[in-house]
Amino acid sequence: MDSELTHDVLVTKLNQLIPQTDELARITAIFKALGDPTRARILYALGVSSLSVGELATGLQLTQSNISHQLSVLRQLKLVVGTRNGRNVHYQLADKHIISIFQQVAAHAEEAEQ
């Protein structure tokens, strides 16, 4: 009987700690977006400076069309925001958590190599 109670308590605790399905879907969508090398490069670049589509395309040696498509995905996930500056829109990270995620994963990858 005691082990059943412990099991029930554990199941209840897990249900409280694991996010609900809709929140989990948002979290995994962000990880999918971060898992794309082109989007990762864009996010790293925006971690350095606010940049326009043209500046990103030149700096990353990609087409403006490709950059625009990837930024659209990142905007939908609220990972980047754009601010109009004359004729151009300059993009920046929505917050610094994004770079922190990359730094933590890089630290983990480095530890795993050793």
PDB file of N, CA and C in Angstrom:
ATOM      1  N   MET A   1       0.826  -1.197   0.000  1.00  0.00           N
ATOM      2  CA  MET A   1       0.000   0.000   0.000  1.00  0.00           C
ATOM      3  C   MET A   1       0.868   1.257   0.000  1.00  0.00           C
ATOM      4  N   ASP A   2       1.951   1.214   0.749  1.00  0.00           N
ATOM      5  CA  ASP A   2       2.832   2.368   0.851  1.00  0.00           C
ATOM      6  C   ASP A   2       3.479   2.698  -0.499  1.00  0.00           C
ATOM      7  N   SER A   3       3.867   1.673  -1.257  1.00  0.00           N
ATOM      8  CA  SER A   3       4.486   1.926  -2.560  1.00  0.00           C
ATOM      9  C   SER A   3       3.466   2.497  -3.551  1.00  0.00           C
ATOM     10  N   GLU A   4       2.184   2.111  -3.428  1.00  0.00           N
ATOM     11  CA  GLU A   4       1.146   2.682  -4.285  1.00  0.00           C
ATOM     12  C   GLU A   4       0.978   4.159  -4.008  1.00  0.00           C
ATOM     13  N   LEU A   5       1.022   4.528  -2.737  1.00  0.00           N
ATOM     14  CA  LEU A   5       0.899   5.930  -2.342  1.00  0.00           C
ATOM     15  C   LEU A   5       2.092   6.721  -2.893  1.00  0.00           C
ATOM     16  N   THR A   6       3.285   6.166  -2.761  1.00  0.00           N
ATOM     17  CA  THR A   6       4.487   6.821  -3.278  1.00  0.00           C
ATOM     18  C   THR A   6       4.375   6.990  -4.786  1.00  0.00           C
ATOM     19  N   HIS A   7       3.899   5.961  -5.462  1.00  0.00           N
ATOM     20  CA  HIS A   7       3.715   6.030  -6.914  1.00  0.00           C
ATOM     21  C   HIS A   7       2.711   7.125  -7.270  1.00  0.00           C
ATOM     22  N   ASP A   8       1.593   7.192  -6.577  1.00  0.00           N
ATOM     23  CA  ASP A   8       0.570   8.209  -6.837  1.00  0.00           C
ATOM     24  C   ASP A   8       1.120   9.619  -6.614  1.00  0.00           C
ATOM     25  N   VAL A   9       1.898   9.778  -5.562  1.00  0.00           N
ATOM     26  CA  VAL A   9       2.501  11.081  -5.270  1.00  0.00           C
ATOM     27  C   VAL A   9       3.466  11.464  -6.388  1.00  0.00           C
ATOM     28  N   LEU A  10       4.256  10.492  -6.839  1.00  0.00           N
ATOM     29  CA  LEU A  10       5.199  10.737  -7.919  1.00  0.00           C
ATOM     30  C   LEU A  10       4.481  11.140  -9.214  1.00  0.00           C
ATOM     31  N   VAL A  11       3.433  10.423  -9.557  1.00  0.00           N
ATOM     32  CA  VAL A  11       2.660  10.727 -10.768  1.00  0.00           C
ATOM     33  C   VAL A  11       2.047  12.126 -10.671  1.00  0.00           C
ATOM     34  N   THR A  12       1.501  12.468  -9.525  1.00  0.00           N
ATOM     35  CA  THR A  12       0.916  13.793  -9.310  1.00  0.00           C
ATOM     36  C   THR A  12       1.982  14.873  -9.475  1.00  0.00           C
ATOM     37  N   LYS A  13       3.144  14.646  -8.889  1.00  0.00           N
ATOM     38  CA  LYS A  13       4.241  15.614  -8.967  1.00  0.00           C
ATOM     39  C   LYS A  13       4.698  15.798 -10.419  1.00  0.00           C
ATOM     40  N   LEU A  14       4.827  14.692 -11.150  1.00  0.00           N
ATOM     41  CA  LEU A  14       5.218  14.776 -12.559  1.00  0.00           C
ATOM     42  C   LEU A  14       4.198  15.573 -13.370  1.00  0.00           C
ATOM     43  N   ASN A  15       2.935  15.320 -13.122  1.00  0.00           N
ATOM     44  CA  ASN A  15       1.879  16.045 -13.837  1.00  0.00           C
ATOM     45  C   ASN A  15       1.913  17.536 -13.542  1.00  0.00           C
ATOM     46  N   GLN A  16       2.365  17.901 -12.347  1.00  0.00           N
ATOM     47  CA  GLN A  16       2.476  19.313 -11.996  1.00  0.00           C
ATOM     48  C   GLN A  16       3.706  19.962 -12.637  1.00  0.00           C
ATOM     49  N   LEU A  17       4.776  19.180 -12.791  1.00  0.00           N
ATOM     50  CA  LEU A  17       6.038  19.729 -13.291  1.00  0.00           C
ATOM     51  C   LEU A  17       6.130  19.793 -14.813  1.00  0.00           C
ATOM     52  N   ILE A  18       5.528  18.842 -15.495  1.00  0.00           N
ATOM     53  CA  ILE A  18       5.603  18.809 -16.951  1.00  0.00           C
ATOM     54  C   ILE A  18       4.562  19.768 -17.524  1.00  0.00           C
ATOM     55  N   PRO A  19       5.002  20.666 -18.414  1.00  0.00           N
ATOM     56  CA  PRO A  19       4.064  21.642 -18.982  1.00  0.00           C
ATOM     57  C   PRO A  19       2.897  20.964 -19.707  1.00  0.00           C
ATOM     58  N   GLN A  20       1.792  21.693 -19.774  1.00  0.00           N
ATOM     59  CA  GLN A  20       0.615  21.221 -20.491  1.00  0.00           C
ATOM     60  C   GLN A  20       0.921  21.107 -21.984  1.00  0.00           C
ATOM     61  N   THR A  21       0.106  20.386 -22.711  1.00  0.00           N
ATOM     62  CA  THR A  21       0.343  20.079 -24.115  1.00  0.00           C
ATOM     63  C   THR A  21       0.555  21.326 -24.969  1.00  0.00           C
ATOM     64  N   ASP A  22      -0.263  22.365 -24.802  1.00  0.00           N
ATOM     65  CA  ASP A  22      -0.114  23.563 -25.639  1.00  0.00           C
ATOM     66  C   ASP A  22       1.205  24.282 -25.364  1.00  0.00           C
ATOM     67  N   GLU A  23       1.606  24.351 -24.111  1.00  0.00           N
ATOM     68  CA  GLU A  23       2.878  24.980 -23.769  1.00  0.00           C
ATOM     69  C   GLU A  23       4.047  24.129 -24.275  1.00  0.00           C
ATOM     70  N   LEU A  24       3.922  22.831 -24.155  1.00  0.00           N
ATOM     71  CA  LEU A  24       4.947  21.913 -24.655  1.00  0.00           C
ATOM     72  C   LEU A  24       5.095  22.046 -26.173  1.00  0.00           C
ATOM     73  N   ALA A  25       3.995  22.245 -26.869  1.00  0.00           N
ATOM     74  CA  ALA A  25       4.036  22.432 -28.324  1.00  0.00           C
ATOM     75  C   ALA A  25       4.813  23.703 -28.679  1.00  0.00           C
ATOM     76  N   ARG A  26       4.598  24.792 -27.917  1.00  0.00           N
ATOM     77  CA  ARG A  26       5.329  26.040 -28.164  1.00  0.00           C
ATOM     78  C   ARG A  26       6.825  25.843 -27.891  1.00  0.00           C
ATOM     79  N   ILE A  27       7.144  25.140 -26.820  1.00  0.00           N
ATOM     80  CA  ILE A  27       8.544  24.902 -26.461  1.00  0.00           C
ATOM     81  C   ILE A  27       9.245  24.084 -27.543  1.00  0.00           C
ATOM     82  N   THR A  28       8.612  23.005 -27.985  1.00  0.00           N
ATOM     83  CA  THR A  28       9.255  22.158 -28.994  1.00  0.00           C
ATOM     84  C   THR A  28       9.347  22.862 -30.342  1.00  0.00           C
ATOM     85  N   ALA A  29       8.407  23.743 -30.654  1.00  0.00           N
ATOM     86  CA  ALA A  29       8.486  24.523 -31.894  1.00  0.00           C
ATOM     87  C   ALA A  29       9.711  25.436 -31.869  1.00  0.00           C
ATOM     88  N   ILE A  30      10.003  26.001 -30.724  1.00  0.00           N
ATOM     89  CA  ILE A  30      11.195  26.847 -30.589  1.00  0.00           C
ATOM     90  C   ILE A  30      12.448  26.011 -30.772  1.00  0.00           C
ATOM     91  N   PHE A  31      12.497  24.831 -30.164  1.00  0.00           N
ATOM     92  CA  PHE A  31      13.670  23.973 -30.340  1.00  0.00           C
ATOM     93  C   PHE A  31      13.839  23.555 -31.801  1.00  0.00           C
ATOM     94  N   LYS A  32      12.752  23.296 -32.483  1.00  0.00           N
ATOM     95  CA  LYS A  32      12.836  22.962 -33.913  1.00  0.00           C
ATOM     96  C   LYS A  32      13.426  24.135 -34.690  1.00  0.00           C
ATOM     97  N   ALA A  33      12.970  25.340 -34.371  1.00  0.00           N
ATOM     98  CA  ALA A  33      13.484  26.530 -35.062  1.00  0.00           C
ATOM     99  C   ALA A  33      14.963  26.731 -34.766  1.00  0.00           C
ATOM    100  N   LEU A  34      15.363  26.530 -33.529  1.00  0.00           N
ATOM    101  CA  LEU A  34      16.762  26.702 -33.146  1.00  0.00           C
ATOM    102  C   LEU A  34      17.645  25.626 -33.764  1.00  0.00           C
ATOM    103  N   GLY A  35      17.049  24.496 -34.132  1.00  0.00           N
ATOM    104  CA  GLY A  35      17.800  23.386 -34.695  1.00  0.00           C
ATOM    105  C   GLY A  35      18.161  23.552 -36.157  1.00  0.00           C
ATOM    106  N   ASP A  36      17.670  24.586 -36.796  1.00  0.00           N
ATOM    107  CA  ASP A  36      17.996  24.830 -38.202  1.00  0.00           C
ATOM    108  C   ASP A  36      19.280  25.670 -38.275  1.00  0.00           C
ATOM    109  N   PRO A  37      20.317  25.188 -38.979  1.00  0.00           N
ATOM    110  CA  PRO A  37      21.587  25.928 -39.013  1.00  0.00           C
ATOM    111  C   PRO A  37      21.473  27.360 -39.545  1.00  0.00           C
ATOM    112  N   THR A  38      20.646  27.591 -40.547  1.00  0.00           N
ATOM    113  CA  THR A  38      20.504  28.954 -41.079  1.00  0.00           C
ATOM    114  C   THR A  38      19.873  29.867 -40.033  1.00  0.00           C
ATOM    115  N   ARG A  39      18.819  29.395 -39.385  1.00  0.00           N
ATOM    116  CA  ARG A  39      18.182  30.223 -38.352  1.00  0.00           C
ATOM    117  C   ARG A  39      19.132  30.438 -37.177  1.00  0.00           C
ATOM    118  N   ALA A  40      19.913  29.424 -36.833  1.00  0.00           N
ATOM    119  CA  ALA A  40      20.886  29.575 -35.742  1.00  0.00           C
ATOM    120  C   ALA A  40      21.908  30.653 -36.096  1.00  0.00           C
ATOM    121  N   ARG A  41      22.378  30.653 -37.343  1.00  0.00           N
ATOM    122  CA  ARG A  41      23.338  31.678 -37.774  1.00  0.00           C
ATOM    123  C   ARG A  41      22.718  33.075 -37.698  1.00  0.00           C
ATOM    124  N   ILE A  42      21.464  33.183 -38.107  1.00  0.00           N
ATOM    125  CA  ILE A  42      20.763  34.468 -38.041  1.00  0.00           C
ATOM    126  C   ILE A  42      20.665  34.936 -36.593  1.00  0.00           C
ATOM    127  N   LEU A  43      20.284  34.035 -35.705  1.00  0.00           N
ATOM    128  CA  LEU A  43      20.147  34.404 -34.295  1.00  0.00           C
ATOM    129  C   LEU A  43      21.486  34.804 -33.683  1.00  0.00           C
ATOM    130  N   TYR A  44      22.552  34.070 -34.021  1.00  0.00           N
ATOM    131  CA  TYR A  44      23.883  34.460 -33.538  1.00  0.00           C
ATOM    132  C   TYR A  44      24.238  35.864 -34.032  1.00  0.00           C
ATOM    133  N   ALA A  45      23.983  36.136 -35.319  1.00  0.00           N
ATOM    134  CA  ALA A  45      24.290  37.455 -35.886  1.00  0.00           C
ATOM    135  C   ALA A  45      23.493  38.550 -35.174  1.00  0.00           C
ATOM    136  N   LEU A  46      22.215  38.291 -34.919  1.00  0.00           N
ATOM    137  CA  LEU A  46      21.377  39.284 -34.241  1.00  0.00           C
ATOM    138  C   LEU A  46      21.755  39.428 -32.773  1.00  0.00           C
ATOM    139  N   GLY A  47      22.449  38.446 -32.237  1.00  0.00           N
ATOM    140  CA  GLY A  47      22.970  38.553 -30.871  1.00  0.00           C
ATOM    141  C   GLY A  47      24.102  39.569 -30.786  1.00  0.00           C
ATOM    142  N   VAL A  48      24.708  39.867 -31.940  1.00  0.00           N
ATOM    143  CA  VAL A  48      25.801  40.837 -32.001  1.00  0.00           C
ATOM    144  C   VAL A  48      25.269  42.238 -32.264  1.00  0.00           C
ATOM    145  N   SER A  49      24.282  42.336 -33.167  1.00  0.00           N
ATOM    146  CA  SER A  49      23.795  43.655 -33.574  1.00  0.00           C
ATOM    147  C   SER A  49      22.417  43.542 -34.218  1.00  0.00           C
ATOM    148  N   SER A  50      21.688  44.626 -34.175  1.00  0.00           N
ATOM    149  CA  SER A  50      20.436  44.749 -34.919  1.00  0.00           C
ATOM    150  C   SER A  50      20.812  44.889 -36.390  1.00  0.00           C
ATOM    151  N   LEU A  51      20.162  44.091 -37.266  1.00  0.00           N
ATOM    152  CA  LEU A  51      20.545  44.066 -38.674  1.00  0.00           C
ATOM    153  C   LEU A  51      19.322  44.032 -39.580  1.00  0.00           C
ATOM    154  N   SER A  52      19.491  44.568 -40.790  1.00  0.00           N
ATOM    155  CA  SER A  52      18.435  44.504 -41.805  1.00  0.00           C
ATOM    156  C   SER A  52      18.567  43.189 -42.575  1.00  0.00           C
ATOM    157  N   VAL A  53      17.566  42.887 -43.391  1.00  0.00           N
ATOM    158  CA  VAL A  53      17.606  41.682 -44.223  1.00  0.00           C
ATOM    159  C   VAL A  53      18.835  41.729 -45.133  1.00  0.00           C
ATOM    160  N   GLY A  54      19.080  42.880 -45.755  1.00  0.00           N
ATOM    161  CA  GLY A  54      20.233  43.027 -46.644  1.00  0.00           C
ATOM    162  C   GLY A  54      21.552  42.805 -45.923  1.00  0.00           C
ATOM    163  N   GLU A  55      21.672  43.358 -44.731  1.00  0.00           N
ATOM    164  CA  GLU A  55      22.908  43.189 -43.948  1.00  0.00           C
ATOM    165  C   GLU A  55      23.101  41.724 -43.555  1.00  0.00           C
ATOM    166  N   LEU A  56      22.009  41.070 -43.160  1.00  0.00           N
ATOM    167  CA  LEU A  56      22.093  39.649 -42.820  1.00  0.00           C
ATOM    168  C   LEU A  56      22.478  38.822 -44.041  1.00  0.00           C
ATOM    169  N   ALA A  57      21.858  39.119 -45.181  1.00  0.00           N
ATOM    170  CA  ALA A  57      22.143  38.371 -46.406  1.00  0.00           C
ATOM    171  C   ALA A  57      23.615  38.512 -46.796  1.00  0.00           C
ATOM    172  N   THR A  58      24.125  39.724 -46.743  1.00  0.00           N
ATOM    173  CA  THR A  58      25.526  39.961 -47.086  1.00  0.00           C
ATOM    174  C   THR A  58      26.454  39.291 -46.078  1.00  0.00           C
ATOM    175  N   GLY A  59      26.198  39.515 -44.811  1.00  0.00           N
ATOM    176  CA  GLY A  59      27.063  38.980 -43.754  1.00  0.00           C
ATOM    177  C   GLY A  59      27.081  37.466 -43.687  1.00  0.00           C
ATOM    178  N   LEU A  60      25.938  36.851 -43.972  1.00  0.00           N
ATOM    179  CA  LEU A  60      25.846  35.385 -43.872  1.00  0.00           C
ATOM    180  C   LEU A  60      25.970  34.709 -45.234  1.00  0.00           C
ATOM    181  N   GLN A  61      26.128  35.510 -46.282  1.00  0.00           N
ATOM    182  CA  GLN A  61      26.258  35.013 -47.654  1.00  0.00           C
ATOM    183  C   GLN A  61      25.075  34.119 -48.039  1.00  0.00           C
ATOM    184  N   LEU A  62      23.879  34.673 -47.806  1.00  0.00           N
ATOM    185  CA  LEU A  62      22.629  34.009 -48.169  1.00  0.00           C
ATOM    186  C   LEU A  62      21.788  34.976 -48.989  1.00  0.00           C
ATOM    187  N   THR A  63      20.768  34.475 -49.649  1.00  0.00           N
ATOM    188  CA  THR A  63      19.897  35.363 -50.416  1.00  0.00           C
ATOM    189  C   THR A  63      18.953  36.111 -49.479  1.00  0.00           C
ATOM    190  N   GLN A  64      18.528  37.278 -49.921  1.00  0.00           N
ATOM    191  CA  GLN A  64      17.568  38.048 -49.130  1.00  0.00           C
ATOM    192  C   GLN A  64      16.267  37.274 -48.973  1.00  0.00           C
ATOM    193  N   SER A  65      15.879  36.534 -50.008  1.00  0.00           N
ATOM    194  CA  SER A  65      14.665  35.727 -49.942  1.00  0.00           C
ATOM    195  C   SER A  65      14.763  34.675 -48.837  1.00  0.00           C
ATOM    196  N   ASN A  66      15.902  34.006 -48.754  1.00  0.00           N
ATOM    197  CA  ASN A  66      16.117  32.987 -47.722  1.00  0.00           C
ATOM    198  C   ASN A  66      16.076  33.624 -46.330  1.00  0.00           C
ATOM    199  N   ILE A  67      16.761  34.751 -46.180  1.00  0.00           N
ATOM    200  CA  ILE A  67      16.776  35.456 -44.894  1.00  0.00           C
ATOM    201  C   ILE A  67      15.359  35.864 -44.505  1.00  0.00           C
ATOM    202  N   SER A  68      14.619  36.434 -45.443  1.00  0.00           N
ATOM    203  CA  SER A  68      13.247  36.873 -45.156  1.00  0.00           C
ATOM    204  C   SER A  68      12.372  35.707 -44.719  1.00  0.00           C
ATOM    205  N   HIS A  69      12.501  34.577 -45.391  1.00  0.00           N
ATOM    206  CA  HIS A  69      11.721  33.394 -45.022  1.00  0.00           C
ATOM    207  C   HIS A  69      12.067  32.938 -43.603  1.00  0.00           C
ATOM    208  N   GLN A  70      13.346  32.866 -43.306  1.00  0.00           N
ATOM    209  CA  GLN A  70      13.769  32.402 -41.979  1.00  0.00           C
ATOM    210  C   GLN A  70      13.347  33.396 -40.886  1.00  0.00           C
ATOM    211  N   LEU A  71      13.435  34.685 -41.191  1.00  0.00           N
ATOM    212  CA  LEU A  71      12.996  35.689 -40.214  1.00  0.00           C
ATOM    213  C   LEU A  71      11.503  35.585 -39.946  1.00  0.00           C
ATOM    214  N   SER A  72      10.741  35.229 -40.959  1.00  0.00           N
ATOM    215  CA  SER A  72       9.304  35.047 -40.791  1.00  0.00           C
ATOM    216  C   SER A  72       9.026  33.948 -39.758  1.00  0.00           C
ATOM    217  N   VAL A  73       9.740  32.852 -39.871  1.00  0.00           N
ATOM    218  CA  VAL A  73       9.590  31.754 -38.897  1.00  0.00           C
ATOM    219  C   VAL A  73       9.971  32.241 -37.505  1.00  0.00           C
ATOM    220  N   LEU A  74      11.080  32.937 -37.403  1.00  0.00           N
ATOM    221  CA  LEU A  74      11.566  33.418 -36.103  1.00  0.00           C
ATOM    222  C   LEU A  74      10.632  34.465 -35.499  1.00  0.00           C
ATOM    223  N   ARG A  75      10.032  35.303 -36.356  1.00  0.00           N
ATOM    224  CA  ARG A  75       9.060  36.303 -35.864  1.00  0.00           C
ATOM    225  C   ARG A  75       7.810  35.623 -35.324  1.00  0.00           C
ATOM    226  N   GLN A  76       7.314  34.607 -36.043  1.00  0.00           N
ATOM    227  CA  GLN A  76       6.112  33.894 -35.601  1.00  0.00           C
ATOM    228  C   GLN A  76       6.307  33.268 -34.223  1.00  0.00           C
ATOM    229  N   LEU A  77       7.517  32.831 -33.939  1.00  0.00           N
ATOM    230  CA  LEU A  77       7.822  32.223 -32.640  1.00  0.00           C
ATOM    231  C   LEU A  77       8.222  33.264 -31.597  1.00  0.00           C
ATOM    232  N   LYS A  78       8.191  34.534 -32.006  1.00  0.00           N
ATOM    233  CA  LYS A  78       8.531  35.654 -31.127  1.00  0.00           C
ATOM    234  C   LYS A  78       9.969  35.578 -30.610  1.00  0.00           C
ATOM    235  N   LEU A  79      10.858  35.085 -31.485  1.00  0.00           N
ATOM    236  CA  LEU A  79      12.277  35.030 -31.148  1.00  0.00           C
ATOM    237  C   LEU A  79      13.009  36.289 -31.617  1.00  0.00           C
ATOM    238  N   VAL A  80      12.463  36.938 -32.655  1.00  0.00           N
ATOM    239  CA  VAL A  80      13.022  38.193 -33.143  1.00  0.00           C
ATOM    240  C   VAL A  80      11.894  39.207 -33.312  1.00  0.00           C
ATOM    241  N   VAL A  81      12.281  40.469 -33.286  1.00  0.00           N
ATOM    242  CA  VAL A  81      11.337  41.564 -33.546  1.00  0.00           C
ATOM    243  C   VAL A  81      11.976  42.506 -34.557  1.00  0.00           C
ATOM    244  N   GLY A  82      11.137  43.156 -35.329  1.00  0.00           N
ATOM    245  CA  GLY A  82      11.623  44.098 -36.326  1.00  0.00           C
ATOM    246  C   GLY A  82      11.167  45.507 -36.012  1.00  0.00           C
ATOM    247  N   THR A  83      12.044  46.448 -36.291  1.00  0.00           N
ATOM    248  CA  THR A  83      11.749  47.866 -36.100  1.00  0.00           C
ATOM    249  C   THR A  83      12.047  48.588 -37.400  1.00  0.00           C
ATOM    250  N   ARG A  84      11.049  49.315 -37.899  1.00  0.00           N
ATOM    251  CA  ARG A  84      11.223  50.038 -39.155  1.00  0.00           C
ATOM    252  C   ARG A  84      12.193  51.191 -38.935  1.00  0.00           C
ATOM    253  N   ASN A  85      13.155  51.285 -39.861  1.00  0.00           N
ATOM    254  CA  ASN A  85      14.150  52.361 -39.832  1.00  0.00           C
ATOM    255  C   ASN A  85      14.237  52.919 -41.245  1.00  0.00           C
ATOM    256  N   GLY A  86      13.390  53.891 -41.551  1.00  0.00           N
ATOM    257  CA  GLY A  86      13.301  54.403 -42.915  1.00  0.00           C
ATOM    258  C   GLY A  86      12.648  53.361 -43.805  1.00  0.00           C
ATOM    259  N   ARG A  87      13.340  52.990 -44.879  1.00  0.00           N
ATOM    260  CA  ARG A  87      12.807  51.980 -45.802  1.00  0.00           C
ATOM    261  C   ARG A  87      13.098  50.559 -45.328  1.00  0.00           C
ATOM    262  N   ASN A  88      14.019  50.413 -44.413  1.00  0.00           N
ATOM    263  CA  ASN A  88      14.429  49.082 -43.955  1.00  0.00           C
ATOM    264  C   ASN A  88      13.812  48.721 -42.616  1.00  0.00           C
ATOM    265  N   VAL A  89      13.725  47.428 -42.394  1.00  0.00           N
ATOM    266  CA  VAL A  89      13.349  46.912 -41.083  1.00  0.00           C
ATOM    267  C   VAL A  89      14.603  46.296 -40.489  1.00  0.00           C
ATOM    268  N   HIS A  90      14.941  46.730 -39.293  1.00  0.00           N
ATOM    269  CA  HIS A  90      16.086  46.161 -38.591  1.00  0.00           C
ATOM    270  C   HIS A  90      15.562  45.164 -37.567  1.00  0.00           C
ATOM    271  N   TYR A  91      16.156  43.990 -37.587  1.00  0.00           N
ATOM    272  CA  TYR A  91      15.727  42.910 -36.703  1.00  0.00           C
ATOM    273  C   TYR A  91      16.691  42.779 -35.543  1.00  0.00           C
ATOM    274  N   GLN A  92      16.132  42.377 -34.429  1.00  0.00           N
ATOM    275  CA  GLN A  92      16.941  42.106 -33.240  1.00  0.00           C
ATOM    276  C   GLN A  92      16.296  40.962 -32.473  1.00  0.00           C
ATOM    277  N   LEU A  93      17.062  40.383 -31.557  1.00  0.00           N
ATOM    278  CA  LEU A  93      16.520  39.312 -30.727  1.00  0.00           C
ATOM    279  C   LEU A  93      15.410  39.873 -29.854  1.00  0.00           C
ATOM    280  N   ALA A  94      14.376  39.078 -29.650  1.00  0.00           N
ATOM    281  CA  ALA A  94      13.268  39.515 -28.792  1.00  0.00           C
ATOM    282  C   ALA A  94      13.745  39.676 -27.355  1.00  0.00           C
ATOM    283  N   ASP A  95      14.693  38.831 -26.946  1.00  0.00           N
ATOM    284  CA  ASP A  95      15.299  38.951 -25.618  1.00  0.00           C
ATOM    285  C   ASP A  95      16.607  38.172 -25.595  1.00  0.00           C
ATOM    286  N   LYS A  96      17.363  38.333 -24.546  1.00  0.00           N
ATOM    287  CA  LYS A  96      18.695  37.716 -24.459  1.00  0.00           C
ATOM    288  C   LYS A  96      18.642  36.236 -24.071  1.00  0.00           C
ATOM    289  N   HIS A  97      17.466  35.706 -23.757  1.00  0.00           N
ATOM    290  CA  HIS A  97      17.360  34.286 -23.425  1.00  0.00           C
ATOM    291  C   HIS A  97      17.815  33.409 -24.581  1.00  0.00           C
ATOM    292  N   ILE A  98      17.630  33.886 -25.792  1.00  0.00           N
ATOM    293  CA  ILE A  98      17.944  33.082 -26.961  1.00  0.00           C
ATOM    294  C   ILE A  98      19.436  32.784 -27.020  1.00  0.00           C
ATOM    295  N   ILE A  99      20.261  33.798 -26.840  1.00  0.00           N
ATOM    296  CA  ILE A  99      21.712  33.585 -26.852  1.00  0.00           C
ATOM    297  C   ILE A  99      22.120  32.737 -25.658  1.00  0.00           C
ATOM    298  N   SER A 100      21.464  32.932 -24.544  1.00  0.00           N
ATOM    299  CA  SER A 100      21.755  32.121 -23.349  1.00  0.00           C
ATOM    300  C   SER A 100      21.523  30.638 -23.630  1.00  0.00           C
ATOM    301  N   ILE A 101      20.466  30.324 -24.367  1.00  0.00           N
ATOM    302  CA  ILE A 101      20.182  28.926 -24.727  1.00  0.00           C
ATOM    303  C   ILE A 101      21.335  28.367 -25.550  1.00  0.00           C
ATOM    304  N   PHE A 102      21.786  29.120 -26.557  1.00  0.00           N
ATOM    305  CA  PHE A 102      22.907  28.669 -27.386  1.00  0.00           C
ATOM    306  C   PHE A 102      24.173  28.490 -26.556  1.00  0.00           C
ATOM    307  N   GLN A 103      24.434  29.414 -25.635  1.00  0.00           N
ATOM    308  CA  GLN A 103      25.634  29.320 -24.799  1.00  0.00           C
ATOM    309  C   GLN A 103      25.585  28.072 -23.914  1.00  0.00           C
ATOM    310  N   GLN A 104      24.414  27.776 -23.367  1.00  0.00           N
ATOM    311  CA  GLN A 104      24.284  26.593 -22.521  1.00  0.00           C
ATOM    312  C   GLN A 104      24.461  25.314 -23.322  1.00  0.00           C
ATOM    313  N   VAL A 105      23.896  25.273 -24.512  1.00  0.00           N
ATOM    314  CA  VAL A 105      24.042  24.085 -25.361  1.00  0.00           C
ATOM    315  C   VAL A 105      25.499  23.932 -25.797  1.00  0.00           C
ATOM    316  N   ALA A 106      26.167  25.041 -26.130  1.00  0.00           N
ATOM    317  CA  ALA A 106      27.574  24.986 -26.519  1.00  0.00           C
ATOM    318  C   ALA A 106      28.428  24.468 -25.366  1.00  0.00           C
ATOM    319  N   ALA A 107      28.142  24.928 -24.160  1.00  0.00           N
ATOM    320  CA  ALA A 107      28.882  24.450 -22.980  1.00  0.00           C
ATOM    321  C   ALA A 107      28.650  22.953 -22.781  1.00  0.00           C
ATOM    322  N   HIS A 108      27.430  22.510 -22.971  1.00  0.00           N
ATOM    323  CA  HIS A 108      27.119  21.079 -22.839  1.00  0.00           C
ATOM    324  C   HIS A 108      27.864  20.271 -23.914  1.00  0.00           C
ATOM    325  N   ALA A 109      27.845  20.769 -25.142  1.00  0.00           N
ATOM    326  CA  ALA A 109      28.522  20.056 -26.241  1.00  0.00           C
ATOM    327  C   ALA A 109      30.022  19.962 -25.972  1.00  0.00           C
ATOM    328  N   GLU A 110      30.598  21.020 -25.425  1.00  0.00           N
ATOM    329  CA  GLU A 110      32.015  21.018 -25.103  1.00  0.00           C
ATOM    330  C   GLU A 110      32.331  20.005 -24.007  1.00  0.00           C
ATOM    331  N   GLU A 111      31.482  19.948 -22.986  1.00  0.00           N
ATOM    332  CA  GLU A 111      31.660  18.958 -21.902  1.00  0.00           C
ATOM    333  C   GLU A 111      31.527  17.546 -22.424  1.00  0.00           C
ATOM    334  N   ALA A 112      30.586  17.337 -23.327  1.00  0.00           N
ATOM    335  CA  ALA A 112      30.341  15.996 -23.875  1.00  0.00           C
ATOM    336  C   ALA A 112      31.524  15.510 -24.700  1.00  0.00           C
ATOM    337  N   GLU A 113      32.273  16.453 -25.311  1.00  0.00           N
ATOM    338  CA  GLU A 113      33.437  16.095 -26.109  1.00  0.00           C
ATOM    339  C   GLU A 113      34.583  15.587 -25.262  1.00  0.00           C
ATOM    340  N   GLN A 114      34.666  16.055 -24.044  1.00  0.00           N
ATOM    341  CA  GLN A 114      35.814  15.728 -23.180  1.00  0.00           C
ATOM    342  C   GLN A 114      35.700  14.367 -22.567  1.00  0.00           C
TER     343      GLN A 114
END
